[in-house]
Amino acid sequence: FKKLHLMKNNLVLPHPRMHERLFVLLPLFE
């Protein structure tokens, strides 16, 4: 979410595991 870093209840930004998941990284890279 823009350049926001946030840890609040059920919302953590950037998503905490996205950097380990090809199913997120490949479409994001596209």
Full PDB file with SEQRES, HELIX, SHEET, SSBOND, CRYST1, ORIGX, SCALE, CONECT and MASTER records, all heavy atoms in Angstrom:
SEQRES   1 A   30  PHE LYS LYS LEU HIS LEU MET LYS ASN ASN LEU VAL LEU          
SEQRES   2 A   30  PRO HIS PRO ARG MET HIS GLU ARG LEU PHE VAL LEU LEU          
SEQRES   3 A   30  PRO LEU PHE GLU                                              
HELIX    1 AA1 MET A   18  GLU A   20  5                                   3    
HELIX    2 AA2 LEU A   22  PHE A   29  1                                   8    
SHEET    1 AA1 2 LEU A   6  LYS A   8  0                                        
SHEET    2 AA1 2 LEU A  11  LEU A  13 -1                                        
CRYST1    1.000    1.000    1.000  90.00  90.00  90.00 P 1           1          
ORIGX1      1.000000  0.000000  0.000000        0.00000                         
ORIGX2      0.000000  1.000000  0.000000        0.00000                         
ORIGX3      0.000000  0.000000  1.000000        0.00000                         
SCALE1      1.000000  0.000000  0.000000        0.00000                         
SCALE2      0.000000  1.000000  0.000000        0.00000                         
SCALE3      0.000000  0.000000  1.000000        0.00000                         
ATOM      1  N   PHE A   1       0.874  -1.170   0.000  1.00  0.00           N  
ATOM      2  CA  PHE A   1       0.000   0.000   0.000  1.00  0.00           C  
ATOM      3  C   PHE A   1       0.912   1.221   0.000  1.00  0.00           C  
ATOM      4  O   PHE A   1       1.425   1.622   1.050  1.00  0.00           O  
ATOM      5  CB  PHE A   1      -0.910   0.005   1.232  1.00  0.00           C  
ATOM      6  CG  PHE A   1      -2.039   0.990   1.141  1.00  0.00           C  
ATOM      7  CD1 PHE A   1      -3.304   0.559   0.771  1.00  0.00           C  
ATOM      8  CD2 PHE A   1      -1.847   2.331   1.426  1.00  0.00           C  
ATOM      9  CE1 PHE A   1      -4.360   1.450   0.689  1.00  0.00           C  
ATOM     10  CE2 PHE A   1      -2.889   3.231   1.342  1.00  0.00           C  
ATOM     11  CZ  PHE A   1      -4.154   2.793   0.971  1.00  0.00           C  
ATOM     12  N   LYS A   2       1.149   1.717  -1.201  1.00  0.00           N  
ATOM     13  CA  LYS A   2       2.096   2.815  -1.408  1.00  0.00           C  
ATOM     14  C   LYS A   2       3.414   2.416  -0.763  1.00  0.00           C  
ATOM     15  O   LYS A   2       3.879   1.302  -0.982  1.00  0.00           O  
ATOM     16  CB  LYS A   2       1.507   4.115  -0.901  1.00  0.00           C  
ATOM     17  CG  LYS A   2       0.176   4.415  -1.582  1.00  0.00           C  
ATOM     18  CD  LYS A   2      -0.495   5.655  -1.095  1.00  0.00           C  
ATOM     19  CE  LYS A   2      -1.844   5.789  -1.812  1.00  0.00           C  
ATOM     20  NZ  LYS A   2      -2.600   6.914  -1.409  1.00  0.00           N  
ATOM     21  N   LYS A   3       4.018   3.257   0.034  1.00  0.00           N  
ATOM     22  CA  LYS A   3       5.281   2.893   0.704  1.00  0.00           C  
ATOM     23  C   LYS A   3       5.063   2.677   2.192  1.00  0.00           C  
ATOM     24  O   LYS A   3       6.004   2.713   2.985  1.00  0.00           O  
ATOM     25  CB  LYS A   3       6.331   3.966   0.454  1.00  0.00           C  
ATOM     26  CG  LYS A   3       6.709   4.046  -1.004  1.00  0.00           C  
ATOM     27  CD  LYS A   3       7.791   5.050  -1.260  1.00  0.00           C  
ATOM     28  CE  LYS A   3       8.092   5.067  -2.752  1.00  0.00           C  
ATOM     29  NZ  LYS A   3       9.234   5.852  -3.095  1.00  0.00           N  
ATOM     30  N   LEU A   4       3.824   2.403   2.549  1.00  0.00           N  
ATOM     31  CA  LEU A   4       3.433   2.292   3.944  1.00  0.00           C  
ATOM     32  C   LEU A   4       3.948   1.007   4.589  1.00  0.00           C  
ATOM     33  O   LEU A   4       3.886  -0.067   3.996  1.00  0.00           O  
ATOM     34  CB  LEU A   4       1.903   2.331   4.034  1.00  0.00           C  
ATOM     35  CG  LEU A   4       1.291   2.354   5.412  1.00  0.00           C  
ATOM     36  CD1 LEU A   4       1.681   3.632   6.163  1.00  0.00           C  
ATOM     37  CD2 LEU A   4      -0.225   2.275   5.296  1.00  0.00           C  
ATOM     38  N   HIS A   5       4.468   1.150   5.805  1.00  0.00           N  
ATOM     39  CA  HIS A   5       4.805   0.018   6.671  1.00  0.00           C  
ATOM     40  C   HIS A   5       3.859   0.093   7.848  1.00  0.00           C  
ATOM     41  O   HIS A   5       3.766   1.130   8.512  1.00  0.00           O  
ATOM     42  CB  HIS A   5       6.258   0.095   7.139  1.00  0.00           C  
ATOM     43  CG  HIS A   5       7.220  -0.251   6.055  1.00  0.00           C  
ATOM     44  ND1 HIS A   5       7.832  -1.470   5.974  1.00  0.00           N  
ATOM     45  CD2 HIS A   5       7.652   0.458   4.982  1.00  0.00           C  
ATOM     46  CE1 HIS A   5       8.609  -1.500   4.905  1.00  0.00           C  
ATOM     47  NE2 HIS A   5       8.518  -0.344   4.290  1.00  0.00           N  
ATOM     48  N   LEU A   6       3.147  -1.006   8.117  1.00  0.00           N  
ATOM     49  CA  LEU A   6       2.089  -0.988   9.115  1.00  0.00           C  
ATOM     50  C   LEU A   6       1.960  -2.360   9.754  1.00  0.00           C  
ATOM     51  O   LEU A   6       2.035  -3.378   9.066  1.00  0.00           O  
ATOM     52  CB  LEU A   6       0.767  -0.609   8.417  1.00  0.00           C  
ATOM     53  CG  LEU A   6      -0.487  -0.532   9.241  1.00  0.00           C  
ATOM     54  CD1 LEU A   6      -0.448   0.693  10.164  1.00  0.00           C  
ATOM     55  CD2 LEU A   6      -1.702  -0.443   8.334  1.00  0.00           C  
ATOM     56  N   MET A   7       1.765  -2.382  11.068  1.00  0.00           N  
ATOM     57  CA  MET A   7       1.431  -3.600  11.809  1.00  0.00           C  
ATOM     58  C   MET A   7       0.275  -3.226  12.721  1.00  0.00           C  
ATOM     59  O   MET A   7       0.468  -2.573  13.734  1.00  0.00           O  
ATOM     60  CB  MET A   7       2.620  -4.103  12.619  1.00  0.00           C  
ATOM     61  CG  MET A   7       3.749  -4.633  11.798  1.00  0.00           C  
ATOM     62  SD  MET A   7       5.066  -5.333  12.792  1.00  0.00           S  
ATOM     63  CE  MET A   7       4.346  -6.912  13.168  1.00  0.00           C  
ATOM     64  N   LYS A   8      -0.928  -3.649  12.310  1.00  0.00           N  
ATOM     65  CA  LYS A   8      -2.125  -3.235  13.022  1.00  0.00           C  
ATOM     66  C   LYS A   8      -3.145  -4.357  12.951  1.00  0.00           C  
ATOM     67  O   LYS A   8      -3.614  -4.693  11.870  1.00  0.00           O  
ATOM     68  CB  LYS A   8      -2.659  -1.975  12.360  1.00  0.00           C  
ATOM     69  CG  LYS A   8      -3.659  -1.204  13.120  1.00  0.00           C  
ATOM     70  CD  LYS A   8      -3.971   0.047  12.316  1.00  0.00           C  
ATOM     71  CE  LYS A   8      -4.652   1.073  13.160  1.00  0.00           C  
ATOM     72  NZ  LYS A   8      -4.990   2.259  12.400  1.00  0.00           N  
ATOM     73  N   ASN A   9      -3.480  -4.957  14.079  1.00  0.00           N  
ATOM     74  CA  ASN A   9      -4.477  -6.028  14.141  1.00  0.00           C  
ATOM     75  C   ASN A   9      -4.240  -7.055  13.047  1.00  0.00           C  
ATOM     76  O   ASN A   9      -3.230  -7.724  13.044  1.00  0.00           O  
ATOM     77  CB  ASN A   9      -5.893  -5.450  14.078  1.00  0.00           C  
ATOM     78  CG  ASN A   9      -6.182  -4.547  15.267  1.00  0.00           C  
ATOM     79  OD1 ASN A   9      -5.678  -4.775  16.349  1.00  0.00           O  
ATOM     80  ND2 ASN A   9      -6.978  -3.524  15.061  1.00  0.00           N  
ATOM     81  N   ASN A  10      -5.173  -7.164  12.102  1.00  0.00           N  
ATOM     82  CA  ASN A  10      -5.041  -8.176  11.047  1.00  0.00           C  
ATOM     83  C   ASN A  10      -4.492  -7.598   9.745  1.00  0.00           C  
ATOM     84  O   ASN A  10      -4.688  -8.163   8.687  1.00  0.00           O  
ATOM     85  CB  ASN A  10      -6.396  -8.848  10.787  1.00  0.00           C  
ATOM     86  CG  ASN A  10      -7.450  -7.861  10.304  1.00  0.00           C  
ATOM     87  OD1 ASN A  10      -7.309  -6.663  10.476  1.00  0.00           O  
ATOM     88  ND2 ASN A  10      -8.510  -8.376   9.713  1.00  0.00           N  
ATOM     89  N   LEU A  11      -3.775  -6.484   9.838  1.00  0.00           N  
ATOM     90  CA  LEU A  11      -3.223  -5.851   8.642  1.00  0.00           C  
ATOM     91  C   LEU A  11      -1.734  -5.560   8.850  1.00  0.00           C  
ATOM     92  O   LEU A  11      -1.368  -4.763   9.714  1.00  0.00           O  
ATOM     93  CB  LEU A  11      -3.983  -4.555   8.329  1.00  0.00           C  
ATOM     94  CG  LEU A  11      -3.552  -3.790   7.080  1.00  0.00           C  
ATOM     95  CD1 LEU A  11      -3.632  -4.670   5.840  1.00  0.00           C  
ATOM     96  CD2 LEU A  11      -4.427  -2.559   6.906  1.00  0.00           C  
ATOM     97  N   VAL A  12      -0.906  -6.243   8.070  1.00  0.00           N  
ATOM     98  CA  VAL A  12       0.543  -6.024   8.102  1.00  0.00           C  
ATOM     99  C   VAL A  12       0.966  -5.659   6.689  1.00  0.00           C  
ATOM    100  O   VAL A  12       0.679  -6.377   5.735  1.00  0.00           O  
ATOM    101  CB  VAL A  12       1.299  -7.281   8.587  1.00  0.00           C  
ATOM    102  CG1 VAL A  12       2.806  -7.043   8.555  1.00  0.00           C  
ATOM    103  CG2 VAL A  12       0.834  -7.694   9.978  1.00  0.00           C  
ATOM    104  N   LEU A  13       1.640  -4.526   6.570  1.00  0.00           N  
ATOM    105  CA  LEU A  13       2.097  -4.035   5.264  1.00  0.00           C  
ATOM    106  C   LEU A  13       3.571  -3.677   5.322  1.00  0.00           C  
ATOM    107  O   LEU A  13       3.997  -3.064   6.297  1.00  0.00           O  
ATOM    108  CB  LEU A  13       1.297  -2.797   4.845  1.00  0.00           C  
ATOM    109  CG  LEU A  13      -0.193  -3.030   4.636  1.00  0.00           C  
ATOM    110  CD1 LEU A  13      -0.911  -1.719   4.463  1.00  0.00           C  
ATOM    111  CD2 LEU A  13      -0.424  -3.934   3.444  1.00  0.00           C  
ATOM    112  N   PRO A  14       4.326  -4.048   4.297  1.00  0.00           N  
ATOM    113  CA  PRO A  14       3.981  -4.934   3.198  1.00  0.00           C  
ATOM    114  C   PRO A  14       3.556  -6.311   3.720  1.00  0.00           C  
ATOM    115  O   PRO A  14       3.865  -6.685   4.853  1.00  0.00           O  
ATOM    116  CB  PRO A  14       5.252  -5.045   2.380  1.00  0.00           C  
ATOM    117  CG  PRO A  14       6.156  -3.955   2.830  1.00  0.00           C  
ATOM    118  CD  PRO A  14       5.717  -3.597   4.208  1.00  0.00           C  
ATOM    119  N   HIS A  15       2.861  -7.075   2.874  1.00  0.00           N  
ATOM    120  CA  HIS A  15       2.414  -8.409   3.268  1.00  0.00           C  
ATOM    121  C   HIS A  15       3.617  -9.198   3.760  1.00  0.00           C  
ATOM    122  O   HIS A  15       4.651  -9.252   3.091  1.00  0.00           O  
ATOM    123  CB  HIS A  15       1.757  -9.107   2.077  1.00  0.00           C  
ATOM    124  CG  HIS A  15       1.100 -10.384   2.453  1.00  0.00           C  
ATOM    125  ND1 HIS A  15       1.798 -11.536   2.688  1.00  0.00           N  
ATOM    126  CD2 HIS A  15      -0.213 -10.689   2.633  1.00  0.00           C  
ATOM    127  CE1 HIS A  15       0.958 -12.504   3.006  1.00  0.00           C  
ATOM    128  NE2 HIS A  15      -0.273 -12.012   2.975  1.00  0.00           N  
ATOM    129  N   PRO A  16       3.515  -9.813   4.937  1.00  0.00           N  
ATOM    130  CA  PRO A  16       4.707 -10.384   5.582  1.00  0.00           C  
ATOM    131  C   PRO A  16       5.365 -11.565   4.885  1.00  0.00           C  
ATOM    132  O   PRO A  16       6.541 -11.830   5.126  1.00  0.00           O  
ATOM    133  CB  PRO A  16       4.191 -10.789   6.963  1.00  0.00           C  
ATOM    134  CG  PRO A  16       2.726 -10.910   6.828  1.00  0.00           C  
ATOM    135  CD  PRO A  16       2.315  -9.943   5.748  1.00  0.00           C  
ATOM    136  N   ARG A  17       4.666 -12.299   4.034  1.00  0.00           N  
ATOM    137  CA  ARG A  17       5.282 -13.478   3.402  1.00  0.00           C  
ATOM    138  C   ARG A  17       5.382 -13.369   1.886  1.00  0.00           C  
ATOM    139  O   ARG A  17       5.807 -14.304   1.223  1.00  0.00           O  
ATOM    140  CB  ARG A  17       4.503 -14.738   3.794  1.00  0.00           C  
ATOM    141  CG  ARG A  17       4.622 -15.064   5.285  1.00  0.00           C  
ATOM    142  CD  ARG A  17       3.670 -16.145   5.741  1.00  0.00           C  
ATOM    143  NE  ARG A  17       2.258 -15.852   5.483  1.00  0.00           N  
ATOM    144  CZ  ARG A  17       1.497 -15.012   6.198  1.00  0.00           C  
ATOM    145  NH1 ARG A  17       2.013 -14.360   7.208  1.00  0.00           N  
ATOM    146  NH2 ARG A  17       0.232 -14.824   5.890  1.00  0.00           N  
ATOM    147  N   MET A  18       5.017 -12.225   1.346  1.00  0.00           N  
ATOM    148  CA  MET A  18       4.994 -12.113  -0.117  1.00  0.00           C  
ATOM    149  C   MET A  18       6.373 -12.327  -0.744  1.00  0.00           C  
ATOM    150  O   MET A  18       6.480 -12.856  -1.841  1.00  0.00           O  
ATOM    151  CB  MET A  18       4.419 -10.768  -0.542  1.00  0.00           C  
ATOM    152  CG  MET A  18       5.263  -9.577  -0.183  1.00  0.00           C  
ATOM    153  SD  MET A  18       4.544  -8.012  -0.674  1.00  0.00           S  
ATOM    154  CE  MET A  18       4.881  -8.022  -2.404  1.00  0.00           C  
ATOM    155  N   HIS A  19       7.431 -11.951  -0.061  1.00  0.00           N  
ATOM    156  CA  HIS A  19       8.778 -12.049  -0.614  1.00  0.00           C  
ATOM    157  C   HIS A  19       9.265 -13.495  -0.748  1.00  0.00           C  
ATOM    158  O   HIS A  19      10.276 -13.754  -1.387  1.00  0.00           O  
ATOM    159  CB  HIS A  19       9.758 -11.235   0.235  1.00  0.00           C  
ATOM    160  CG  HIS A  19       9.939 -11.774   1.618  1.00  0.00           C  
ATOM    161  ND1 HIS A  19       9.008 -11.574   2.610  1.00  0.00           N  
ATOM    162  CD2 HIS A  19      10.934 -12.503   2.158  1.00  0.00           C  
ATOM    163  CE1 HIS A  19       9.425 -12.161   3.718  1.00  0.00           C  
ATOM    164  NE2 HIS A  19      10.590 -12.738   3.469  1.00  0.00           N  
ATOM    165  N   GLU A  20       8.515 -14.453  -0.165  1.00  0.00           N  
ATOM    166  CA  GLU A  20       8.899 -15.871  -0.214  1.00  0.00           C  
ATOM    167  C   GLU A  20       8.029 -16.687  -1.160  1.00  0.00           C  
ATOM    168  O   GLU A  20       8.201 -17.894  -1.256  1.00  0.00           O  
ATOM    169  CB  GLU A  20       8.739 -16.492   1.181  1.00  0.00           C  
ATOM    170  CG  GLU A  20       9.462 -15.774   2.272  1.00  0.00           C  
ATOM    171  CD  GLU A  20       9.070 -16.276   3.655  1.00  0.00           C  
ATOM    172  OE1 GLU A  20       7.906 -16.717   3.847  1.00  0.00           O  
ATOM    173  OE2 GLU A  20       9.920 -16.221   4.536  1.00  0.00           O  
ATOM    174  N   ARG A  21       7.063 -16.056  -1.818  1.00  0.00           N  
ATOM    175  CA  ARG A  21       6.055 -16.804  -2.548  1.00  0.00           C  
ATOM    176  C   ARG A  21       6.060 -16.470  -4.037  1.00  0.00           C  
ATOM    177  O   ARG A  21       5.694 -15.374  -4.431  1.00  0.00           O  
ATOM    178  CB  ARG A  21       4.683 -16.514  -1.951  1.00  0.00           C  
ATOM    179  CG  ARG A  21       4.615 -17.005  -0.517  1.00  0.00           C  
ATOM    180  CD  ARG A  21       3.296 -16.735   0.097  1.00  0.00           C  
ATOM    181  NE  ARG A  21       3.182 -17.460   1.353  1.00  0.00           N  
ATOM    182  CZ  ARG A  21       2.203 -17.292   2.198  1.00  0.00           C  
ATOM    183  NH1 ARG A  21       1.247 -16.431   1.934  1.00  0.00           N  
ATOM    184  NH2 ARG A  21       2.162 -17.986   3.313  1.00  0.00           N  
ATOM    185  N   LEU A  22       6.453 -17.462  -4.832  1.00  0.00           N  
ATOM    186  CA  LEU A  22       6.494 -17.252  -6.279  1.00  0.00           C  
ATOM    187  C   LEU A  22       5.112 -16.936  -6.849  1.00  0.00           C  
ATOM    188  O   LEU A  22       5.003 -16.183  -7.806  1.00  0.00           O  
ATOM    189  CB  LEU A  22       7.057 -18.486  -6.982  1.00  0.00           C  
ATOM    190  CG  LEU A  22       8.571 -18.585  -7.075  1.00  0.00           C  
ATOM    191  CD1 LEU A  22       8.976 -19.862  -7.789  1.00  0.00           C  
ATOM    192  CD2 LEU A  22       9.168 -17.369  -7.751  1.00  0.00           C  
ATOM    193  N   PHE A  23       4.051 -17.489  -6.245  1.00  0.00           N  
ATOM    194  CA  PHE A  23       2.712 -17.232  -6.772  1.00  0.00           C  
ATOM    195  C   PHE A  23       2.291 -15.783  -6.580  1.00  0.00           C  
ATOM    196  O   PHE A  23       1.338 -15.327  -7.212  1.00  0.00           O  
ATOM    197  CB  PHE A  23       1.669 -18.199  -6.187  1.00  0.00           C  
ATOM    198  CG  PHE A  23       1.409 -18.058  -4.711  1.00  0.00           C  
ATOM    199  CD1 PHE A  23       0.502 -17.127  -4.233  1.00  0.00           C  
ATOM    200  CD2 PHE A  23       2.058 -18.889  -3.803  1.00  0.00           C  
ATOM    201  CE1 PHE A  23       0.242 -17.016  -2.877  1.00  0.00           C  
ATOM    202  CE2 PHE A  23       1.814 -18.792  -2.446  1.00  0.00           C  
ATOM    203  CZ  PHE A  23       0.903 -17.844  -1.981  1.00  0.00           C  
ATOM    204  N   VAL A  24       3.012 -15.043  -5.750  1.00  0.00           N  
ATOM    205  CA  VAL A  24       2.826 -13.596  -5.615  1.00  0.00           C  
ATOM    206  C   VAL A  24       3.877 -12.854  -6.431  1.00  0.00           C  
ATOM    207  O   VAL A  24       3.571 -11.925  -7.170  1.00  0.00           O  
ATOM    208  CB  VAL A  24       2.905 -13.156  -4.137  1.00  0.00           C  
ATOM    209  CG1 VAL A  24       2.922 -11.640  -4.013  1.00  0.00           C  
ATOM    210  CG2 VAL A  24       1.762 -13.744  -3.325  1.00  0.00           C  
ATOM    211  N   LEU A  25       5.119 -13.283  -6.314  1.00  0.00           N  
ATOM    212  CA  LEU A  25       6.225 -12.558  -6.944  1.00  0.00           C  
ATOM    213  C   LEU A  25       6.144 -12.543  -8.470  1.00  0.00           C  
ATOM    214  O   LEU A  25       6.394 -11.498  -9.086  1.00  0.00           O  
ATOM    215  CB  LEU A  25       7.561 -13.149  -6.491  1.00  0.00           C  
ATOM    216  CG  LEU A  25       7.896 -12.980  -5.015  1.00  0.00           C  
ATOM    217  CD1 LEU A  25       9.143 -13.792  -4.654  1.00  0.00           C  
ATOM    218  CD2 LEU A  25       8.080 -11.512  -4.659  1.00  0.00           C  
ATOM    219  N   LEU A  26       5.821 -13.670  -9.090  1.00  0.00           N  
ATOM    220  CA  LEU A  26       5.804 -13.710 -10.556  1.00  0.00           C  
ATOM    221  C   LEU A  26       4.722 -12.804 -11.155  1.00  0.00           C  
ATOM    222  O   LEU A  26       5.020 -12.022 -12.058  1.00  0.00           O  
ATOM    223  CB  LEU A  26       5.697 -15.143 -11.062  1.00  0.00           C  
ATOM    224  CG  LEU A  26       6.949 -15.993 -10.834  1.00  0.00           C  
ATOM    225  CD1 LEU A  26       6.710 -17.432 -11.289  1.00  0.00           C  
ATOM    226  CD2 LEU A  26       8.163 -15.406 -11.523  1.00  0.00           C  
ATOM    227  N   PRO A  27       3.458 -12.871 -10.677  1.00  0.00           N  
ATOM    228  CA  PRO A  27       2.481 -11.929 -11.241  1.00  0.00           C  
ATOM    229  C   PRO A  27       2.787 -10.476 -10.890  1.00  0.00           C  
ATOM    230  O   PRO A  27       2.559  -9.573 -11.707  1.00  0.00           O  
ATOM    231  CB  PRO A  27       1.144 -12.388 -10.667  1.00  0.00           C  
ATOM    232  CG  PRO A  27       1.421 -13.439  -9.677  1.00  0.00           C  
ATOM    233  CD  PRO A  27       2.832 -13.866  -9.821  1.00  0.00           C  
ATOM    234  N   LEU A  28       3.345 -10.231  -9.711  1.00  0.00           N  
ATOM    235  CA  LEU A  28       3.727  -8.865  -9.343  1.00  0.00           C  
ATOM    236  C   LEU A  28       4.855  -8.365 -10.236  1.00  0.00           C  
ATOM    237  O   LEU A  28       4.828  -7.231 -10.733  1.00  0.00           O  
ATOM    238  CB  LEU A  28       4.121  -8.799  -7.867  1.00  0.00           C  
ATOM    239  CG  LEU A  28       4.540  -7.435  -7.332  1.00  0.00           C  
ATOM    240  CD1 LEU A  28       3.434  -6.405  -7.506  1.00  0.00           C  
ATOM    241  CD2 LEU A  28       4.942  -7.552  -5.859  1.00  0.00           C  
ATOM    242  N   PHE A  29       5.836  -9.216 -10.497  1.00  0.00           N  
ATOM    243  CA  PHE A  29       6.949  -8.857 -11.377  1.00  0.00           C  
ATOM    244  C   PHE A  29       6.456  -8.536 -12.785  1.00  0.00           C  
ATOM    245  O   PHE A  29       6.959  -7.628 -13.441  1.00  0.00           O  
ATOM    246  CB  PHE A  29       7.968  -9.996 -11.420  1.00  0.00           C  
ATOM    247  CG  PHE A  29       9.138  -9.740 -12.313  1.00  0.00           C  
ATOM    248  CD1 PHE A  29      10.162  -8.905 -11.907  1.00  0.00           C  
ATOM    249  CD2 PHE A  29       9.222 -10.326 -13.570  1.00  0.00           C  
ATOM    250  CE1 PHE A  29      11.258  -8.656 -12.739  1.00  0.00           C  
ATOM    251  CE2 PHE A  29      10.303 -10.082 -14.402  1.00  0.00           C  
ATOM    252  CZ  PHE A  29      11.324  -9.240 -13.977  1.00  0.00           C  
ATOM    253  N   GLU A  30       5.440  -9.270 -13.234  1.00  0.00           N  
ATOM    254  CA  GLU A  30       4.894  -9.041 -14.570  1.00  0.00           C  
ATOM    255  C   GLU A  30       4.386  -7.604 -14.738  1.00  0.00           C  
ATOM    256  O   GLU A  30       4.556  -7.010 -15.788  1.00  0.00           O  
ATOM    257  CB  GLU A  30       3.752 -10.031 -14.826  1.00  0.00           C  
ATOM    258  CG  GLU A  30       3.118  -9.899 -16.187  1.00  0.00           C  
ATOM    259  CD  GLU A  30       1.958 -10.852 -16.385  1.00  0.00           C  
ATOM    260  OE1 GLU A  30       1.890 -11.908 -15.712  1.00  0.00           O  
ATOM    261  OE2 GLU A  30       1.106 -10.532 -17.232  1.00  0.00           O  
TER     262      GLU A  30                                                      
MASTER        0    0    0    2    2    0    0    6  261    1    0    3          
END                                                                             
